[in-house]
């Protein structure tokens, strides 16, 4: 393990044999008793270099960046980071960017995240799919906390494999504070949906016990059986008029909101003209299911 100054602070090694086309798992504990803590204000990163040697020669190497921090969600006081009660000031952003579509150059990731951080953002909800690892690297480096979301709501072996891949890829990242197993699925208010989330929750927890699991719900919250009862943190998409009722009926649950506002504005537009597909820039237009920025 290498600290931020480049000093090796711990190491371990183990000899092993593995047959051709076979696999094995090694456990090499590393210890650091007084690490510098990762936070949005101080995103300190450490590095773990994993070397594979054969007859003394390095034949493969993996470099893993990681950070040390403590997170906790509380039903009354909400989110704690390293013992400090802080507010999550988040945004929802998809991967695409003007002019390049979803083929986003690495520099654009950092450019956009720096702009967001400059206006006070400290948290980021990704779109409904694993985002590029370069984006995750930038969040680790800049100190942006992330809700990392699974793509397809399905418990068949193939899609369970994809969920496992997502958790394994990102579980060492200090920026990840929540796993989300789905977004706005039609079965969210049914027993089948509950059972599916229960199984996906178990898949995540077998790979990572350090972070809570959520699901972004846009309905079904007041059904007798729904997925809210299968997660650690209940995720709301819109439904702002339901916050208080749900809180009153479920006082022991932690809540978060993944999507709120859905306002439409055309930059530089002063008059709404729907025939021209132009919206004024005064925060007066929004989707029927969402809110204006002010209302949000």
C-alpha atoms as a PDB file:
ATOM      1  CA  UNK A   1       0.000   0.000   0.000  1.00  0.00           C
ATOM      2  CA  UNK A   2       1.311   3.443  -0.980  1.00  0.00           C
ATOM      3  CA  UNK A   3       0.310   6.665   0.771  1.00  0.00           C
ATOM      4  CA  UNK A   4      -0.451   9.986  -1.006  1.00  0.00           C
ATOM      5  CA  UNK A   5       3.214  11.003  -0.705  1.00  0.00           C
ATOM      6  CA  UNK A   6       4.406   7.883  -2.500  1.00  0.00           C
ATOM      7  CA  UNK A   7       5.683   6.026   0.571  1.00  0.00           C
ATOM      8  CA  UNK A   8       5.092   2.285   0.941  1.00  0.00           C
ATOM      9  CA  UNK A   9       3.268   1.919   4.264  1.00  0.00           C
ATOM     10  CA  UNK A  10       2.490  -1.809   4.196  1.00  0.00           C
ATOM     11  CA  UNK A  11       3.000  -4.839   1.978  1.00  0.00           C
ATOM     12  CA  UNK A  12       2.250  -8.529   1.895  1.00  0.00           C
ATOM     13  CA  UNK A  13       3.079 -11.489  -0.325  1.00  0.00           C
ATOM     14  CA  UNK A  14       1.982 -15.079  -0.724  1.00  0.00           C
ATOM     15  CA  UNK A  15       3.181 -17.986  -2.833  1.00  0.00           C
ATOM     16  CA  UNK A  16       0.575 -20.116  -4.575  1.00  0.00           C
ATOM     17  CA  UNK A  17       0.017 -22.548  -7.404  1.00  0.00           C
ATOM     18  CA  UNK A  18      -2.936 -22.591  -9.770  1.00  0.00           C
ATOM     19  CA  UNK A  19      -3.585 -25.014 -12.591  1.00  0.00           C
ATOM     20  CA  UNK A  20      -4.022 -24.039 -16.217  1.00  0.00           C
ATOM     21  CA  UNK A  21      -7.501 -22.532 -16.864  1.00  0.00           C
ATOM     22  CA  UNK A  22      -8.226 -22.650 -13.126  1.00  0.00           C
ATOM     23  CA  UNK A  23      -8.595 -19.892 -10.548  1.00  0.00           C
ATOM     24  CA  UNK A  24      -7.854 -19.301  -6.895  1.00  0.00           C
ATOM     25  CA  UNK A  25      -8.479 -16.578  -4.321  1.00  0.00           C
ATOM     26  CA  UNK A  26      -5.752 -15.126  -2.116  1.00  0.00           C
ATOM     27  CA  UNK A  27      -6.184 -13.073   1.049  1.00  0.00           C
ATOM     28  CA  UNK A  28      -3.334 -10.654   1.744  1.00  0.00           C
ATOM     29  CA  UNK A  29      -4.291  -8.330   4.638  1.00  0.00           C
ATOM     30  CA  UNK A  30      -2.863  -4.805   4.669  1.00  0.00           C
ATOM     31  CA  UNK A  31      -2.969  -2.612   7.759  1.00  0.00           C
ATOM     32  CA  UNK A  32      -2.885   1.143   8.231  1.00  0.00           C
ATOM     33  CA  UNK A  33      -3.898   2.381  11.660  1.00  0.00           C
ATOM     34  CA  UNK A  34      -4.081   6.162  11.150  1.00  0.00           C
ATOM     35  CA  UNK A  35      -4.985   6.994   7.538  1.00  0.00           C
ATOM     36  CA  UNK A  36      -5.854  10.430   6.261  1.00  0.00           C
ATOM     37  CA  UNK A  37      -9.592  10.453   5.656  1.00  0.00           C
ATOM     38  CA  UNK A  38     -11.233  11.011   2.279  1.00  0.00           C
ATOM     39  CA  UNK A  39     -13.913  13.718   2.054  1.00  0.00           C
ATOM     40  CA  UNK A  40     -15.258  16.228  -0.502  1.00  0.00           C
ATOM     41  CA  UNK A  41     -13.009  18.884   1.038  1.00  0.00           C
ATOM     42  CA  UNK A  42      -9.985  16.599   1.216  1.00  0.00           C
ATOM     43  CA  UNK A  43     -10.183  13.695  -1.276  1.00  0.00           C
ATOM     44  CA  UNK A  44      -7.114  11.801  -0.070  1.00  0.00           C
ATOM     45  CA  UNK A  45      -6.344   8.672  -2.061  1.00  0.00           C
ATOM     46  CA  UNK A  46      -4.065   5.716  -1.379  1.00  0.00           C
ATOM     47  CA  UNK A  47      -2.785   3.187  -3.923  1.00  0.00           C
ATOM     48  CA  UNK A  48      -2.565  -0.590  -3.785  1.00  0.00           C
ATOM     49  CA  UNK A  49      -0.293  -2.289  -6.338  1.00  0.00           C
ATOM     50  CA  UNK A  50      -0.999  -5.978  -6.909  1.00  0.00           C
ATOM     51  CA  UNK A  51       1.902  -7.755  -8.643  1.00  0.00           C
ATOM     52  CA  UNK A  52       1.778 -11.255 -10.066  1.00  0.00           C
ATOM     53  CA  UNK A  53       5.200 -12.869 -10.382  1.00  0.00           C
ATOM     54  CA  UNK A  54       6.384 -16.079 -11.944  1.00  0.00           C
ATOM     55  CA  UNK A  55       9.943 -17.204 -11.279  1.00  0.00           C
ATOM     56  CA  UNK A  56      10.694 -13.739  -9.894  1.00  0.00           C
ATOM     57  CA  UNK A  57       9.442 -11.919 -13.005  1.00  0.00           C
ATOM     58  CA  UNK A  58       6.394  -9.641 -12.960  1.00  0.00           C
ATOM     59  CA  UNK A  59       3.876 -11.029 -15.452  1.00  0.00           C
ATOM     60  CA  UNK A  60       0.841  -8.928 -14.488  1.00  0.00           C
ATOM     61  CA  UNK A  61       0.009  -5.879 -12.391  1.00  0.00           C
ATOM     62  CA  UNK A  62      -3.159  -4.132 -11.208  1.00  0.00           C
ATOM     63  CA  UNK A  63      -3.150  -0.686  -9.592  1.00  0.00           C
ATOM     64  CA  UNK A  64      -6.131   0.097  -7.341  1.00  0.00           C
ATOM     65  CA  UNK A  65      -6.785   3.527  -5.882  1.00  0.00           C
ATOM     66  CA  UNK A  66      -8.735   3.612  -2.648  1.00  0.00           C
ATOM     67  CA  UNK A  67      -9.577   5.903   0.234  1.00  0.00           C
ATOM     68  CA  UNK A  68     -10.503   5.695   3.886  1.00  0.00           C
ATOM     69  CA  UNK A  69     -13.737   7.222   5.156  1.00  0.00           C
ATOM     70  CA  UNK A  70     -16.714   6.321   7.318  1.00  0.00           C
ATOM     71  CA  UNK A  71     -20.312   6.785   6.181  1.00  0.00           C
ATOM     72  CA  UNK A  72     -23.571   6.362   8.056  1.00  0.00           C
ATOM     73  CA  UNK A  73     -27.218   7.026   7.238  1.00  0.00           C
ATOM     74  CA  UNK A  74     -29.579   7.881  10.098  1.00  0.00           C
ATOM     75  CA  UNK A  75     -33.380   8.027   9.887  1.00  0.00           C
ATOM     76  CA  UNK A  76     -33.525  11.320  11.790  1.00  0.00           C
ATOM     77  CA  UNK A  77     -30.236  13.126  11.200  1.00  0.00           C
ATOM     78  CA  UNK A  78     -29.622  11.663   7.730  1.00  0.00           C
ATOM     79  CA  UNK A  79     -26.063  11.454   6.406  1.00  0.00           C
ATOM     80  CA  UNK A  80     -22.804  11.316   8.349  1.00  0.00           C
ATOM     81  CA  UNK A  81     -19.320  11.342   6.849  1.00  0.00           C
ATOM     82  CA  UNK A  82     -16.316  10.750   9.099  1.00  0.00           C
ATOM     83  CA  UNK A  83     -18.417  11.577  12.137  1.00  0.00           C
ATOM     84  CA  UNK A  84     -19.715  14.851  10.666  1.00  0.00           C
ATOM     85  CA  UNK A  85     -23.389  15.409   9.865  1.00  0.00           C
ATOM     86  CA  UNK A  86     -23.457  16.906   6.368  1.00  0.00           C
ATOM     87  CA  UNK A  87     -26.066  17.586   3.687  1.00  0.00           C
ATOM     88  CA  UNK A  88     -25.917  15.807   0.363  1.00  0.00           C
ATOM     89  CA  UNK A  89     -26.159  18.527  -2.290  1.00  0.00           C
ATOM     90  CA  UNK A  90     -26.614  16.374  -5.331  1.00  0.00           C
ATOM     91  CA  UNK A  91     -27.390  16.446  -9.020  1.00  0.00           C
ATOM     92  CA  UNK A  92     -28.708  13.902 -11.512  1.00  0.00           C
ATOM     93  CA  UNK A  93     -26.615  13.701 -14.649  1.00  0.00           C
ATOM     94  CA  UNK A  94     -26.559  11.296 -17.546  1.00  0.00           C
ATOM     95  CA  UNK A  95     -23.345  10.356 -19.315  1.00  0.00           C
ATOM     96  CA  UNK A  96     -24.001  12.244 -22.545  1.00  0.00           C
ATOM     97  CA  UNK A  97     -22.567  15.699 -23.227  1.00  0.00           C
ATOM     98  CA  UNK A  98     -23.353  18.264 -25.892  1.00  0.00           C
ATOM     99  CA  UNK A  99     -21.431  17.680 -29.115  1.00  0.00           C
ATOM    100  CA  UNK A 100     -20.052  14.244 -28.262  1.00  0.00           C
ATOM    101  CA  UNK A 101     -23.045  12.124 -27.241  1.00  0.00           C
ATOM    102  CA  UNK A 102     -22.060   9.336 -24.829  1.00  0.00           C
ATOM    103  CA  UNK A 103     -18.482   9.075 -26.159  1.00  0.00           C
ATOM    104  CA  UNK A 104     -17.315  11.564 -23.545  1.00  0.00           C
ATOM    105  CA  UNK A 105     -13.582  12.417 -23.585  1.00  0.00           C
ATOM    106  CA  UNK A 106     -11.855  12.041 -20.224  1.00  0.00           C
ATOM    107  CA  UNK A 107     -11.197  15.782 -19.985  1.00  0.00           C
ATOM    108  CA  UNK A 108     -14.915  16.538 -20.198  1.00  0.00           C
ATOM    109  CA  UNK A 109     -15.669  14.391 -17.159  1.00  0.00           C
ATOM    110  CA  UNK A 110     -13.333  16.451 -15.005  1.00  0.00           C
ATOM    111  CA  UNK A 111     -14.427  19.740 -16.607  1.00  0.00           C
ATOM    112  CA  UNK A 112     -18.087  19.098 -15.794  1.00  0.00           C
ATOM    113  CA  UNK A 113     -17.409  17.812 -12.281  1.00  0.00           C
ATOM    114  CA  UNK A 114     -15.248  20.834 -11.464  1.00  0.00           C
ATOM    115  CA  UNK A 115     -18.014  23.194 -12.612  1.00  0.00           C
ATOM    116  CA  UNK A 116     -20.536  21.337 -10.468  1.00  0.00           C
ATOM    117  CA  UNK A 117     -18.265  21.410  -7.446  1.00  0.00           C
ATOM    118  CA  UNK A 118     -17.698  25.151  -7.912  1.00  0.00           C
ATOM    119  CA  UNK A 119     -21.438  25.776  -7.480  1.00  0.00           C
ATOM    120  CA  UNK A 120     -21.605  23.697  -4.288  1.00  0.00           C
ATOM    121  CA  UNK A 121     -22.352  20.168  -5.513  1.00  0.00           C
ATOM    122  CA  UNK A 122     -20.921  17.368  -3.376  1.00  0.00           C
ATOM    123  CA  UNK A 123     -22.953  14.375  -4.629  1.00  0.00           C
ATOM    124  CA  UNK A 124     -23.855  12.860  -7.986  1.00  0.00           C
ATOM    125  CA  UNK A 125     -26.571  10.432  -9.029  1.00  0.00           C
ATOM    126  CA  UNK A 126     -25.560   8.649 -12.223  1.00  0.00           C
ATOM    127  CA  UNK A 127     -27.970   7.566 -14.913  1.00  0.00           C
ATOM    128  CA  UNK A 128     -29.359   4.053 -14.926  1.00  0.00           C
ATOM    129  CA  UNK A 129     -26.235   2.215 -15.936  1.00  0.00           C
ATOM    130  CA  UNK A 130     -22.610   1.774 -14.905  1.00  0.00           C
ATOM    131  CA  UNK A 131     -20.827   4.985 -15.851  1.00  0.00           C
ATOM    132  CA  UNK A 132     -17.340   5.037 -17.388  1.00  0.00           C
ATOM    133  CA  UNK A 133     -14.555   4.230 -14.934  1.00  0.00           C
ATOM    134  CA  UNK A 134     -12.858   7.499 -15.937  1.00  0.00           C
ATOM    135  CA  UNK A 135     -15.839   9.342 -14.480  1.00  0.00           C
ATOM    136  CA  UNK A 136     -15.525   7.352 -11.268  1.00  0.00           C
ATOM    137  CA  UNK A 137     -11.802   8.117 -11.137  1.00  0.00           C
ATOM    138  CA  UNK A 138     -12.600  11.834 -11.383  1.00  0.00           C
ATOM    139  CA  UNK A 139     -15.166  11.605  -8.564  1.00  0.00           C
ATOM    140  CA  UNK A 140     -12.591   9.888  -6.341  1.00  0.00           C
ATOM    141  CA  UNK A 141      -9.990  12.557  -7.114  1.00  0.00           C
ATOM    142  CA  UNK A 142     -12.258  15.607  -6.832  1.00  0.00           C
ATOM    143  CA  UNK A 143     -14.310  14.512  -3.832  1.00  0.00           C
ATOM    144  CA  UNK A 144     -17.775  13.898  -5.290  1.00  0.00           C
ATOM    145  CA  UNK A 145     -19.969  11.324  -3.519  1.00  0.00           C
ATOM    146  CA  UNK A 146     -21.817   8.968  -5.885  1.00  0.00           C
ATOM    147  CA  UNK A 147     -25.001   6.888  -6.012  1.00  0.00           C
ATOM    148  CA  UNK A 148     -23.944   4.021  -8.294  1.00  0.00           C
ATOM    149  CA  UNK A 149     -26.831   2.420 -10.189  1.00  0.00           C
ATOM    150  CA  UNK A 150     -27.472  -0.968 -11.731  1.00  0.00           C
ATOM    151  CA  UNK A 151     -28.794  -1.099 -15.307  1.00  0.00           C
ATOM    152  CA  UNK A 152     -31.413  -3.850 -15.673  1.00  0.00           C
ATOM    153  CA  UNK A 153     -33.906  -5.032 -13.051  1.00  0.00           C
ATOM    154  CA  UNK A 154     -33.618  -8.774 -13.474  1.00  0.00           C
ATOM    155  CA  UNK A 155     -32.564 -11.671 -11.252  1.00  0.00           C
ATOM    156  CA  UNK A 156     -31.673 -14.118 -14.015  1.00  0.00           C
ATOM    157  CA  UNK A 157     -28.087 -15.456 -13.858  1.00  0.00           C
ATOM    158  CA  UNK A 158     -26.813 -13.151 -16.614  1.00  0.00           C
ATOM    159  CA  UNK A 159     -28.087  -9.954 -15.009  1.00  0.00           C
ATOM    160  CA  UNK A 160     -26.976 -11.039 -11.555  1.00  0.00           C
ATOM    161  CA  UNK A 161     -23.531 -11.466 -13.110  1.00  0.00           C
ATOM    162  CA  UNK A 162     -23.708  -7.881 -14.397  1.00  0.00           C
ATOM    163  CA  UNK A 163     -24.705  -6.588 -10.954  1.00  0.00           C
ATOM    164  CA  UNK A 164     -21.786  -8.439  -9.391  1.00  0.00           C
ATOM    165  CA  UNK A 165     -19.453  -6.943 -11.991  1.00  0.00           C
ATOM    166  CA  UNK A 166     -20.618  -3.415 -11.094  1.00  0.00           C
ATOM    167  CA  UNK A 167     -20.063  -3.890  -7.363  1.00  0.00           C
ATOM    168  CA  UNK A 168     -16.679  -5.548  -7.834  1.00  0.00           C
ATOM    169  CA  UNK A 169     -15.548  -2.787 -10.198  1.00  0.00           C
ATOM    170  CA  UNK A 170     -16.437   0.093  -7.878  1.00  0.00           C
ATOM    171  CA  UNK A 171     -16.431  -1.193  -4.285  1.00  0.00           C
ATOM    172  CA  UNK A 172     -12.922   0.092  -3.529  1.00  0.00           C
ATOM    173  CA  UNK A 173     -13.875   3.663  -4.459  1.00  0.00           C
ATOM    174  CA  UNK A 174     -14.338   6.082  -1.550  1.00  0.00           C
ATOM    175  CA  UNK A 175     -16.705   8.187  -3.663  1.00  0.00           C
ATOM    176  CA  UNK A 176     -19.413   5.491  -3.746  1.00  0.00           C
ATOM    177  CA  UNK A 177     -21.854   5.933  -0.839  1.00  0.00           C
ATOM    178  CA  UNK A 178     -24.968   4.155  -2.184  1.00  0.00           C
ATOM    179  CA  UNK A 179     -25.729   1.221  -4.456  1.00  0.00           C
ATOM    180  CA  UNK A 180     -28.985   1.513  -6.406  1.00  0.00           C
ATOM    181  CA  UNK A 181     -30.478  -1.689  -7.805  1.00  0.00           C
ATOM    182  CA  UNK A 182     -33.009  -0.094 -10.177  1.00  0.00           C
ATOM    183  CA  UNK A 183     -34.759   3.010 -11.478  1.00  0.00           C
ATOM    184  CA  UNK A 184     -38.575   3.338 -11.767  1.00  0.00           C
ATOM    185  CA  UNK A 185     -39.433  -0.294 -12.422  1.00  0.00           C
ATOM    186  CA  UNK A 186     -43.094  -1.233 -13.057  1.00  0.00           C
ATOM    187  CA  UNK A 187     -43.009  -4.015 -10.443  1.00  0.00           C
ATOM    188  CA  UNK A 188     -41.806  -1.756  -7.625  1.00  0.00           C
ATOM    189  CA  UNK A 189     -45.153  -1.931  -5.816  1.00  0.00           C
ATOM    190  CA  UNK A 190     -45.643  -5.693  -6.085  1.00  0.00           C
ATOM    191  CA  UNK A 191     -44.643  -8.788  -4.168  1.00  0.00           C
ATOM    192  CA  UNK A 192     -42.664 -10.015  -7.186  1.00  0.00           C
ATOM    193  CA  UNK A 193     -40.732  -6.738  -7.226  1.00  0.00           C
ATOM    194  CA  UNK A 194     -40.071  -7.007  -3.510  1.00  0.00           C
ATOM    195  CA  UNK A 195     -38.735 -10.553  -3.892  1.00  0.00           C
ATOM    196  CA  UNK A 196     -36.500  -9.536  -6.797  1.00  0.00           C
ATOM    197  CA  UNK A 197     -35.024  -6.613  -4.871  1.00  0.00           C
ATOM    198  CA  UNK A 198     -34.534  -8.840  -1.828  1.00  0.00           C
ATOM    199  CA  UNK A 199     -32.418 -11.156  -3.954  1.00  0.00           C
ATOM    200  CA  UNK A 200     -30.468  -8.349  -5.620  1.00  0.00           C
ATOM    201  CA  UNK A 201     -29.870  -6.793  -2.195  1.00  0.00           C
ATOM    202  CA  UNK A 202     -28.387 -10.104  -1.043  1.00  0.00           C
ATOM    203  CA  UNK A 203     -26.095 -10.219  -4.092  1.00  0.00           C
ATOM    204  CA  UNK A 204     -24.749  -6.743  -3.296  1.00  0.00           C
ATOM    205  CA  UNK A 205     -24.300  -7.430   0.424  1.00  0.00           C
ATOM    206  CA  UNK A 206     -22.317 -10.596  -0.218  1.00  0.00           C
ATOM    207  CA  UNK A 207     -19.783  -8.440  -2.078  1.00  0.00           C
ATOM    208  CA  UNK A 208     -19.923  -5.245   0.000  1.00  0.00           C
ATOM    209  CA  UNK A 209     -21.317  -4.796   3.508  1.00  0.00           C
ATOM    210  CA  UNK A 210     -20.012  -1.250   3.936  1.00  0.00           C
ATOM    211  CA  UNK A 211     -22.613   0.675   1.918  1.00  0.00           C
ATOM    212  CA  UNK A 212     -26.420   0.795   1.979  1.00  0.00           C
ATOM    213  CA  UNK A 213     -28.621  -0.271  -0.914  1.00  0.00           C
ATOM    214  CA  UNK A 214     -31.406   1.862  -2.361  1.00  0.00           C
ATOM    215  CA  UNK A 215     -33.818   1.746  -5.315  1.00  0.00           C
ATOM    216  CA  UNK A 216     -35.212   4.764  -7.161  1.00  0.00           C
ATOM    217  CA  UNK A 217     -39.007   4.477  -6.827  1.00  0.00           C
ATOM    218  CA  UNK A 218     -41.601   6.567  -8.631  1.00  0.00           C
ATOM    219  CA  UNK A 219     -44.655   4.706  -7.332  1.00  0.00           C
ATOM    220  CA  UNK A 220     -45.985   1.860  -5.228  1.00  0.00           C
ATOM    221  CA  UNK A 221     -44.716   3.310  -1.961  1.00  0.00           C
ATOM    222  CA  UNK A 222     -48.029   2.825  -0.148  1.00  0.00           C
ATOM    223  CA  UNK A 223     -48.792  -0.668  -1.389  1.00  0.00           C
ATOM    224  CA  UNK A 224     -48.873  -3.299   1.314  1.00  0.00           C
ATOM    225  CA  UNK A 225     -45.862  -5.041  -0.202  1.00  0.00           C
ATOM    226  CA  UNK A 226     -43.330  -2.955  -2.122  1.00  0.00           C
ATOM    227  CA  UNK A 227     -39.590  -2.728  -2.619  1.00  0.00           C
ATOM    228  CA  UNK A 228     -39.142  -0.008   0.029  1.00  0.00           C
ATOM    229  CA  UNK A 229     -39.178  -2.831   2.577  1.00  0.00           C
ATOM    230  CA  UNK A 230     -36.259  -4.597   0.896  1.00  0.00           C
ATOM    231  CA  UNK A 231     -33.655  -1.780   0.917  1.00  0.00           C
ATOM    232  CA  UNK A 232     -31.637   0.179   3.481  1.00  0.00           C
ATOM    233  CA  UNK A 233     -32.537   3.639   2.132  1.00  0.00           C
ATOM    234  CA  UNK A 234     -35.880   4.291   0.423  1.00  0.00           C
ATOM    235  CA  UNK A 235     -35.377   6.186  -2.823  1.00  0.00           C
ATOM    236  CA  UNK A 236     -37.958   8.703  -4.034  1.00  0.00           C
ATOM    237  CA  UNK A 237     -38.214   9.878  -7.630  1.00  0.00           C
ATOM    238  CA  UNK A 238     -40.455  12.975  -7.597  1.00  0.00           C
ATOM    239  CA  UNK A 239     -43.643  12.352  -5.498  1.00  0.00           C
ATOM    240  CA  UNK A 240     -42.753  15.324  -3.289  1.00  0.00           C
ATOM    241  CA  UNK A 241     -46.299  15.457  -1.943  1.00  0.00           C
ATOM    242  CA  UNK A 242     -45.798  11.950  -0.514  1.00  0.00           C
ATOM    243  CA  UNK A 243     -42.691  12.655   1.610  1.00  0.00           C
ATOM    244  CA  UNK A 244     -44.529  13.579   4.776  1.00  0.00           C
ATOM    245  CA  UNK A 245     -47.111  10.800   4.570  1.00  0.00           C
ATOM    246  CA  UNK A 246     -44.488   8.130   3.934  1.00  0.00           C
ATOM    247  CA  UNK A 247     -42.332   9.474   6.732  1.00  0.00           C
ATOM    248  CA  UNK A 248     -45.273   9.434   9.120  1.00  0.00           C
ATOM    249  CA  UNK A 249     -46.267   5.879   8.207  1.00  0.00           C
ATOM    250  CA  UNK A 250     -42.664   4.579   8.191  1.00  0.00           C
ATOM    251  CA  UNK A 251     -40.785   6.529  10.880  1.00  0.00           C
ATOM    252  CA  UNK A 252     -38.004   3.955  11.122  1.00  0.00           C
ATOM    253  CA  UNK A 253     -36.873   4.214   7.492  1.00  0.00           C
ATOM    254  CA  UNK A 254     -34.099   6.309   5.944  1.00  0.00           C
ATOM    255  CA  UNK A 255     -35.231   8.277   2.897  1.00  0.00           C
ATOM    256  CA  UNK A 256     -33.480   9.948   0.006  1.00  0.00           C
ATOM    257  CA  UNK A 257     -34.546  11.569  -3.233  1.00  0.00           C
ATOM    258  CA  UNK A 258     -32.823  10.629  -6.459  1.00  0.00           C
ATOM    259  CA  UNK A 259     -34.864  12.821  -8.826  1.00  0.00           C
ATOM    260  CA  UNK A 260     -36.918  15.917  -7.994  1.00  0.00           C
ATOM    261  CA  UNK A 261     -37.104  18.784 -10.433  1.00  0.00           C
ATOM    262  CA  UNK A 262     -37.938  18.291 -14.081  1.00  0.00           C
ATOM    263  CA  UNK A 263     -37.923  21.838 -15.385  1.00  0.00           C
ATOM    264  CA  UNK A 264     -37.562  22.881 -19.026  1.00  0.00           C
ATOM    265  CA  UNK A 265     -35.644  25.963 -20.130  1.00  0.00           C
ATOM    266  CA  UNK A 266     -34.002  27.121 -23.341  1.00  0.00           C
ATOM    267  CA  UNK A 267     -30.819  29.055 -22.645  1.00  0.00           C
ATOM    268  CA  UNK A 268     -31.365  32.633 -23.816  1.00  0.00           C
ATOM    269  CA  UNK A 269     -35.099  32.087 -24.281  1.00  0.00           C
ATOM    270  CA  UNK A 270     -37.485  34.734 -22.973  1.00  0.00           C
ATOM    271  CA  UNK A 271     -40.833  33.502 -24.313  1.00  0.00           C
ATOM    272  CA  UNK A 272     -42.342  30.018 -24.283  1.00  0.00           C
ATOM    273  CA  UNK A 273     -43.296  28.952 -27.815  1.00  0.00           C
ATOM    274  CA  UNK A 274     -44.181  25.275 -27.880  1.00  0.00           C
ATOM    275  CA  UNK A 275     -44.547  25.176 -31.658  1.00  0.00           C
ATOM    276  CA  UNK A 276     -40.888  26.143 -31.899  1.00  0.00           C
ATOM    277  CA  UNK A 277     -39.999  23.844 -28.994  1.00  0.00           C
ATOM    278  CA  UNK A 278     -38.648  26.829 -27.045  1.00  0.00           C
ATOM    279  CA  UNK A 279     -39.132  27.373 -23.320  1.00  0.00           C
ATOM    280  CA  UNK A 280     -38.553  30.578 -21.416  1.00  0.00           C
ATOM    281  CA  UNK A 281     -35.653  30.771 -18.986  1.00  0.00           C
ATOM    282  CA  UNK A 282     -37.740  31.868 -15.996  1.00  0.00           C
ATOM    283  CA  UNK A 283     -38.357  28.438 -14.470  1.00  0.00           C
ATOM    284  CA  UNK A 284     -42.058  28.408 -15.363  1.00  0.00           C
ATOM    285  CA  UNK A 285     -42.204  25.165 -17.362  1.00  0.00           C
ATOM    286  CA  UNK A 286     -41.846  21.645 -16.019  1.00  0.00           C
ATOM    287  CA  UNK A 287     -42.968  18.061 -16.619  1.00  0.00           C
ATOM    288  CA  UNK A 288     -46.315  17.041 -15.151  1.00  0.00           C
ATOM    289  CA  UNK A 289     -44.593  14.509 -12.887  1.00  0.00           C
ATOM    290  CA  UNK A 290     -41.882  16.889 -11.659  1.00  0.00           C
ATOM    291  CA  UNK A 291     -41.406  20.337 -10.213  1.00  0.00           C
ATOM    292  CA  UNK A 292     -39.825  23.627 -11.151  1.00  0.00           C
ATOM    293  CA  UNK A 293     -36.425  24.407  -9.677  1.00  0.00           C
ATOM    294  CA  UNK A 294     -37.940  26.843  -7.200  1.00  0.00           C
ATOM    295  CA  UNK A 295     -40.551  24.381  -6.005  1.00  0.00           C
ATOM    296  CA  UNK A 296     -37.952  21.641  -5.695  1.00  0.00           C
END
